[in-house]
N, C-alpha and C. Protein backbone atom coordinates (compact mmCIF):
# COMPACT_ATOMS: atom_id res chain seq x y z
N UNK A 1 -27.51 28.28 60.37
CA UNK A 1 -28.87 28.78 60.22
C UNK A 1 -29.68 28.39 61.44
N UNK A 2 -30.83 28.97 61.58
CA UNK A 2 -31.70 28.64 62.71
C UNK A 2 -32.43 27.31 62.49
N UNK A 3 -32.38 26.77 61.27
CA UNK A 3 -33.03 25.48 60.99
C UNK A 3 -32.22 24.30 61.51
N UNK A 4 -30.91 24.43 61.45
CA UNK A 4 -30.05 23.30 61.81
C UNK A 4 -28.69 23.85 62.20
N UNK A 5 -28.23 23.50 63.35
CA UNK A 5 -26.89 23.88 63.75
C UNK A 5 -26.30 22.78 64.61
N UNK A 6 -24.99 22.75 64.63
CA UNK A 6 -24.31 21.76 65.47
C UNK A 6 -23.06 22.39 66.03
N UNK A 7 -22.64 21.86 67.15
CA UNK A 7 -21.41 22.33 67.77
C UNK A 7 -20.83 21.16 68.57
N UNK A 8 -19.53 21.22 68.74
CA UNK A 8 -18.84 20.21 69.54
C UNK A 8 -18.40 20.88 70.83
N UNK A 9 -18.73 20.25 71.92
CA UNK A 9 -18.31 20.74 73.24
C UNK A 9 -17.61 19.60 73.97
N UNK A 10 -16.69 19.96 74.83
CA UNK A 10 -16.00 18.94 75.61
C UNK A 10 -16.74 18.75 76.92
N UNK A 11 -17.11 17.51 77.18
CA UNK A 11 -17.78 17.14 78.41
C UNK A 11 -17.04 15.94 78.98
N UNK A 12 -16.61 16.07 80.22
CA UNK A 12 -15.85 15.00 80.87
C UNK A 12 -14.62 14.62 80.05
N UNK A 13 -13.98 15.63 79.50
CA UNK A 13 -12.75 15.48 78.70
C UNK A 13 -12.95 14.73 77.40
N UNK A 14 -14.19 14.65 76.94
CA UNK A 14 -14.47 13.98 75.66
C UNK A 14 -15.31 14.90 74.79
N UNK A 15 -15.06 14.90 73.48
CA UNK A 15 -15.88 15.73 72.60
C UNK A 15 -17.30 15.15 72.47
N UNK A 16 -18.27 16.04 72.48
CA UNK A 16 -19.65 15.60 72.32
C UNK A 16 -20.33 16.52 71.30
N UNK A 17 -20.98 15.92 70.31
CA UNK A 17 -21.67 16.68 69.28
C UNK A 17 -23.07 17.03 69.76
N UNK A 18 -23.39 18.31 69.70
CA UNK A 18 -24.73 18.79 70.05
C UNK A 18 -25.40 19.28 68.76
N UNK A 19 -26.54 18.73 68.44
CA UNK A 19 -27.26 19.10 67.23
C UNK A 19 -28.58 19.74 67.63
N UNK A 20 -28.84 20.90 67.06
CA UNK A 20 -30.11 21.59 67.27
C UNK A 20 -30.78 21.71 65.92
N UNK A 21 -31.99 21.15 65.83
CA UNK A 21 -32.67 21.08 64.54
C UNK A 21 -34.11 21.53 64.70
N UNK A 22 -34.50 22.50 63.89
CA UNK A 22 -35.87 22.97 63.87
C UNK A 22 -36.76 21.87 63.31
N UNK A 23 -37.97 21.71 63.83
CA UNK A 23 -38.87 20.66 63.31
C UNK A 23 -39.16 20.78 61.81
N UNK A 24 -39.02 21.97 61.25
CA UNK A 24 -39.28 22.18 59.81
C UNK A 24 -38.08 21.86 58.93
N UNK A 25 -36.92 21.57 59.53
CA UNK A 25 -35.72 21.36 58.74
C UNK A 25 -35.89 20.27 57.69
N UNK A 26 -36.37 19.10 58.08
CA UNK A 26 -36.49 17.98 57.15
C UNK A 26 -37.34 18.30 55.95
N UNK A 27 -38.49 18.90 56.18
CA UNK A 27 -39.40 19.24 55.08
C UNK A 27 -38.78 20.29 54.16
N UNK A 28 -38.14 21.29 54.73
CA UNK A 28 -37.55 22.34 53.90
C UNK A 28 -36.32 21.84 53.16
N UNK A 29 -35.52 21.00 53.81
CA UNK A 29 -34.36 20.42 53.14
C UNK A 29 -34.78 19.51 51.99
N UNK A 30 -35.91 18.83 52.16
CA UNK A 30 -36.40 17.93 51.11
C UNK A 30 -36.73 18.67 49.83
N UNK A 31 -37.21 19.89 49.94
CA UNK A 31 -37.51 20.69 48.74
C UNK A 31 -36.23 20.92 47.94
N UNK A 32 -35.16 21.32 48.61
CA UNK A 32 -33.89 21.56 47.92
C UNK A 32 -33.26 20.27 47.44
N UNK A 33 -33.41 19.21 48.22
CA UNK A 33 -32.87 17.92 47.80
C UNK A 33 -33.57 17.43 46.54
N UNK A 34 -34.87 17.62 46.46
CA UNK A 34 -35.63 17.21 45.28
C UNK A 34 -35.12 17.95 44.04
N UNK A 35 -34.82 19.23 44.19
CA UNK A 35 -34.28 20.02 43.06
C UNK A 35 -32.93 19.47 42.63
N UNK A 36 -32.09 19.11 43.60
CA UNK A 36 -30.78 18.55 43.27
C UNK A 36 -30.91 17.21 42.56
N UNK A 37 -31.86 16.39 43.01
CA UNK A 37 -32.10 15.09 42.38
C UNK A 37 -32.52 15.28 40.93
N UNK A 38 -33.46 16.15 40.70
CA UNK A 38 -33.96 16.37 39.33
C UNK A 38 -32.86 16.91 38.43
N UNK A 39 -32.05 17.81 38.94
CA UNK A 39 -30.95 18.37 38.16
C UNK A 39 -29.90 17.31 37.82
N UNK A 40 -29.54 16.51 38.80
CA UNK A 40 -28.55 15.46 38.56
C UNK A 40 -29.05 14.44 37.55
N UNK A 41 -30.29 14.01 37.70
CA UNK A 41 -30.84 13.03 36.75
C UNK A 41 -30.92 13.61 35.35
N UNK A 42 -31.29 14.88 35.23
CA UNK A 42 -31.36 15.52 33.91
C UNK A 42 -29.97 15.57 33.27
N UNK A 43 -28.95 15.84 34.07
CA UNK A 43 -27.57 15.88 33.55
C UNK A 43 -27.14 14.54 32.97
N UNK A 44 -27.75 13.45 33.45
CA UNK A 44 -27.39 12.10 33.00
C UNK A 44 -28.46 11.47 32.12
N UNK A 45 -29.42 12.28 31.70
CA UNK A 45 -30.54 11.81 30.85
C UNK A 45 -31.23 10.59 31.47
N UNK A 46 -31.47 10.67 32.78
CA UNK A 46 -32.17 9.59 33.49
C UNK A 46 -33.46 10.11 34.09
N UNK A 47 -34.37 9.17 34.32
CA UNK A 47 -35.62 9.48 35.04
C UNK A 47 -35.64 8.64 36.31
N UNK A 48 -36.41 9.08 37.28
CA UNK A 48 -36.46 8.38 38.57
C UNK A 48 -36.79 6.89 38.45
N UNK A 49 -37.71 6.47 37.59
CA UNK A 49 -37.99 5.03 37.50
C UNK A 49 -36.78 4.19 37.07
N UNK A 50 -35.77 4.84 36.47
CA UNK A 50 -34.57 4.13 36.04
C UNK A 50 -33.55 3.96 37.17
N UNK A 51 -33.82 4.58 38.33
CA UNK A 51 -32.93 4.47 39.49
C UNK A 51 -33.40 3.29 40.33
N UNK A 52 -32.48 2.39 40.63
CA UNK A 52 -32.84 1.17 41.36
C UNK A 52 -32.90 1.37 42.87
N UNK A 53 -32.06 2.24 43.39
CA UNK A 53 -31.95 2.41 44.83
C UNK A 53 -31.62 3.86 45.14
N UNK A 54 -32.25 4.39 46.18
CA UNK A 54 -31.96 5.75 46.62
C UNK A 54 -31.56 5.69 48.09
N UNK A 55 -30.37 6.22 48.37
CA UNK A 55 -29.84 6.27 49.72
C UNK A 55 -29.79 7.74 50.10
N UNK A 56 -30.52 8.09 51.15
CA UNK A 56 -30.69 9.50 51.50
C UNK A 56 -30.28 9.77 52.95
N UNK A 57 -29.98 11.03 53.20
CA UNK A 57 -29.64 11.53 54.53
C UNK A 57 -30.15 12.96 54.63
N UNK A 58 -30.81 13.35 55.70
CA UNK A 58 -31.04 12.62 56.93
C UNK A 58 -32.11 11.55 56.79
N UNK A 59 -32.13 10.65 57.75
CA UNK A 59 -33.07 9.52 57.72
C UNK A 59 -34.33 9.79 58.53
N UNK A 60 -34.64 11.06 58.70
CA UNK A 60 -35.83 11.43 59.46
C UNK A 60 -37.07 11.26 58.59
N UNK A 61 -38.19 10.93 59.20
CA UNK A 61 -39.43 10.78 58.42
C UNK A 61 -39.80 12.05 57.65
N UNK A 62 -39.61 13.22 58.25
CA UNK A 62 -40.00 14.46 57.56
C UNK A 62 -39.18 14.67 56.29
N UNK A 63 -37.89 14.34 56.31
CA UNK A 63 -37.06 14.49 55.12
C UNK A 63 -37.41 13.45 54.08
N UNK A 64 -37.50 12.19 54.48
CA UNK A 64 -37.78 11.12 53.53
C UNK A 64 -39.17 11.26 52.91
N UNK A 65 -40.16 11.60 53.70
CA UNK A 65 -41.51 11.81 53.16
C UNK A 65 -41.55 13.02 52.24
N UNK A 66 -40.85 14.09 52.63
CA UNK A 66 -40.78 15.28 51.78
C UNK A 66 -40.07 14.99 50.48
N UNK A 67 -39.02 14.20 50.54
CA UNK A 67 -38.27 13.84 49.34
C UNK A 67 -39.13 13.02 48.39
N UNK A 68 -39.88 12.07 48.93
CA UNK A 68 -40.75 11.27 48.06
C UNK A 68 -41.83 12.13 47.41
N UNK A 69 -42.40 13.06 48.17
CA UNK A 69 -43.49 13.87 47.60
C UNK A 69 -42.97 14.94 46.63
N UNK A 70 -41.86 15.59 46.95
CA UNK A 70 -41.37 16.68 46.09
C UNK A 70 -40.65 16.18 44.84
N UNK A 71 -39.99 15.03 44.95
CA UNK A 71 -39.23 14.52 43.80
C UNK A 71 -39.99 13.43 43.06
N UNK A 72 -41.07 12.94 43.65
CA UNK A 72 -41.80 11.86 43.00
C UNK A 72 -41.13 10.51 43.16
N UNK A 73 -40.37 10.37 44.22
CA UNK A 73 -39.65 9.12 44.48
C UNK A 73 -40.61 8.09 45.04
N UNK A 74 -40.49 6.88 44.58
CA UNK A 74 -41.28 5.78 45.14
C UNK A 74 -40.66 5.38 46.48
N UNK A 75 -41.49 5.21 47.52
CA UNK A 75 -40.94 4.80 48.81
C UNK A 75 -40.16 3.48 48.74
N UNK A 76 -40.49 2.63 47.79
CA UNK A 76 -39.78 1.36 47.64
C UNK A 76 -38.35 1.56 47.16
N UNK A 77 -38.07 2.68 46.50
CA UNK A 77 -36.72 2.95 46.03
C UNK A 77 -35.80 3.37 47.17
N UNK A 78 -36.37 3.92 48.24
CA UNK A 78 -35.58 4.44 49.35
C UNK A 78 -35.07 3.34 50.27
N UNK A 79 -33.83 3.49 50.71
CA UNK A 79 -33.27 2.61 51.71
C UNK A 79 -33.70 3.11 53.07
N UNK A 80 -34.31 2.26 53.86
CA UNK A 80 -34.74 2.62 55.22
C UNK A 80 -33.81 1.98 56.23
N UNK A 81 -33.62 2.67 57.34
CA UNK A 81 -32.78 2.17 58.44
C UNK A 81 -33.56 2.34 59.73
N UNK A 82 -33.82 1.25 60.40
CA UNK A 82 -34.50 1.33 61.69
C UNK A 82 -33.67 2.15 62.67
N UNK A 83 -34.28 3.14 63.30
CA UNK A 83 -33.56 4.00 64.24
C UNK A 83 -32.71 5.06 63.58
N UNK A 84 -32.75 5.14 62.27
CA UNK A 84 -31.92 6.08 61.53
C UNK A 84 -32.20 7.54 61.79
N UNK A 85 -33.40 7.83 62.28
CA UNK A 85 -33.74 9.23 62.52
C UNK A 85 -32.88 9.87 63.60
N UNK A 86 -32.14 9.06 64.35
CA UNK A 86 -31.28 9.58 65.41
C UNK A 86 -29.84 9.78 64.95
N UNK A 87 -29.55 9.43 63.71
CA UNK A 87 -28.21 9.57 63.16
C UNK A 87 -28.08 10.92 62.46
N UNK A 88 -26.85 11.41 62.38
CA UNK A 88 -26.63 12.66 61.67
C UNK A 88 -25.55 12.47 60.62
N UNK A 89 -24.33 12.79 60.94
CA UNK A 89 -23.25 12.82 59.97
C UNK A 89 -23.05 11.50 59.25
N UNK A 90 -23.12 10.40 59.95
CA UNK A 90 -22.82 9.09 59.36
C UNK A 90 -24.03 8.41 58.73
N UNK A 91 -25.19 9.06 58.73
CA UNK A 91 -26.42 8.40 58.29
C UNK A 91 -26.36 7.89 56.85
N UNK A 92 -25.74 8.65 55.96
CA UNK A 92 -25.66 8.21 54.57
C UNK A 92 -24.86 6.91 54.46
N UNK A 93 -23.75 6.83 55.17
CA UNK A 93 -22.94 5.60 55.13
C UNK A 93 -23.62 4.45 55.83
N UNK A 94 -24.33 4.73 56.91
CA UNK A 94 -25.07 3.68 57.61
C UNK A 94 -26.16 3.12 56.69
N UNK A 95 -26.86 3.99 55.97
CA UNK A 95 -27.90 3.53 55.04
C UNK A 95 -27.30 2.76 53.88
N UNK A 96 -26.15 3.19 53.39
CA UNK A 96 -25.47 2.47 52.31
C UNK A 96 -25.03 1.08 52.79
N UNK A 97 -24.53 1.01 54.01
CA UNK A 97 -24.13 -0.29 54.57
C UNK A 97 -25.35 -1.19 54.76
N UNK A 98 -26.49 -0.62 55.16
CA UNK A 98 -27.72 -1.40 55.32
C UNK A 98 -28.17 -1.95 53.97
N UNK A 99 -28.04 -1.14 52.92
CA UNK A 99 -28.41 -1.59 51.57
C UNK A 99 -27.52 -2.75 51.14
N UNK A 100 -26.23 -2.67 51.49
CA UNK A 100 -25.32 -3.76 51.14
C UNK A 100 -25.68 -5.03 51.92
N UNK A 101 -25.94 -4.89 53.21
CA UNK A 101 -26.30 -6.05 54.04
C UNK A 101 -27.58 -6.73 53.57
N UNK A 102 -28.52 -5.94 53.06
CA UNK A 102 -29.79 -6.47 52.60
C UNK A 102 -29.74 -6.97 51.16
N UNK A 103 -28.60 -6.84 50.50
CA UNK A 103 -28.46 -7.30 49.13
C UNK A 103 -29.01 -6.33 48.09
N UNK A 104 -29.50 -5.19 48.53
CA UNK A 104 -30.07 -4.21 47.59
C UNK A 104 -28.99 -3.52 46.77
N UNK A 105 -27.84 -3.29 47.37
CA UNK A 105 -26.76 -2.59 46.67
C UNK A 105 -26.18 -3.45 45.55
N UNK A 106 -26.00 -4.72 45.79
CA UNK A 106 -25.41 -5.61 44.80
C UNK A 106 -26.28 -5.73 43.55
N UNK A 107 -27.58 -5.67 43.73
CA UNK A 107 -28.48 -5.83 42.59
C UNK A 107 -28.83 -4.51 41.90
N UNK A 108 -28.38 -3.39 42.45
CA UNK A 108 -28.72 -2.08 41.88
C UNK A 108 -27.70 -1.66 40.83
N UNK A 109 -28.19 -1.32 39.66
CA UNK A 109 -27.31 -0.80 38.59
C UNK A 109 -27.12 0.70 38.72
N UNK A 110 -28.16 1.39 39.20
CA UNK A 110 -28.09 2.84 39.38
C UNK A 110 -28.51 3.18 40.81
N UNK A 111 -27.60 3.80 41.55
CA UNK A 111 -27.85 4.17 42.94
C UNK A 111 -27.72 5.69 43.05
N UNK A 112 -28.74 6.31 43.59
CA UNK A 112 -28.74 7.75 43.82
C UNK A 112 -28.44 8.02 45.29
N UNK A 113 -27.43 8.84 45.54
CA UNK A 113 -27.10 9.27 46.89
C UNK A 113 -27.52 10.73 47.02
N UNK A 114 -28.23 11.05 48.09
CA UNK A 114 -28.68 12.43 48.32
C UNK A 114 -28.55 12.75 49.80
N UNK A 115 -27.95 13.89 50.10
CA UNK A 115 -27.74 14.26 51.49
C UNK A 115 -27.98 15.75 51.67
N UNK A 116 -28.60 16.09 52.80
CA UNK A 116 -28.85 17.49 53.14
C UNK A 116 -28.36 17.74 54.55
N UNK A 117 -27.80 18.92 54.75
CA UNK A 117 -27.29 19.26 56.08
C UNK A 117 -27.48 20.73 56.39
N UNK A 118 -26.80 21.16 57.41
CA UNK A 118 -26.95 22.51 57.92
C UNK A 118 -26.72 23.54 56.83
N UNK A 119 -27.51 24.54 56.88
CA UNK A 119 -27.32 25.66 55.96
C UNK A 119 -28.53 26.13 55.21
N UNK A 120 -29.14 25.49 54.44
CA UNK A 120 -29.32 24.13 53.96
C UNK A 120 -28.34 23.88 52.80
N UNK A 121 -27.53 22.83 52.95
CA UNK A 121 -26.60 22.40 51.92
C UNK A 121 -27.05 21.03 51.45
N UNK A 122 -27.06 20.84 50.14
CA UNK A 122 -27.51 19.57 49.57
C UNK A 122 -26.46 19.07 48.59
N UNK A 123 -26.22 17.76 48.62
CA UNK A 123 -25.34 17.13 47.66
C UNK A 123 -25.99 15.87 47.11
N UNK A 124 -25.73 15.57 45.85
CA UNK A 124 -26.30 14.38 45.23
C UNK A 124 -25.24 13.75 44.32
N UNK A 125 -25.31 12.43 44.22
CA UNK A 125 -24.38 11.73 43.34
C UNK A 125 -25.01 10.45 42.84
N UNK A 126 -24.50 9.95 41.74
CA UNK A 126 -24.97 8.70 41.15
C UNK A 126 -23.84 7.68 41.15
N UNK A 127 -24.17 6.46 41.55
CA UNK A 127 -23.27 5.34 41.40
C UNK A 127 -23.82 4.52 40.24
N UNK A 128 -23.06 4.44 39.17
CA UNK A 128 -23.50 3.73 37.96
C UNK A 128 -22.62 2.52 37.76
N UNK A 129 -23.26 1.37 37.48
CA UNK A 129 -22.49 0.14 37.24
C UNK A 129 -22.77 -0.36 35.86
């Protein structure tokens, strides 16, 4: 789509990922991500206040702020990663690792994972302990 695209090109005999992202991508992806979050929680008879930790991707301010406003997520529930706005494919795992390092993952009984990417494609999952 014109909102988000990526391609791999070889430069100096090494693969390099080129990402082109429209400034509106994060906000628009957040709308769809919020719908996925609400649907997933409804399938499990859960409400957002019952979720201890939310790990999201992308880690851009526009996506995270849009997700909090459209889904009603508390900013305290979100895992933040300094410099995360520059990550793409691995951002969800980097944020999950940050939550583990900070002790947030160990104390969370319900963890919501939400990711949005090119297309706009959205996926969500729950880790229940």
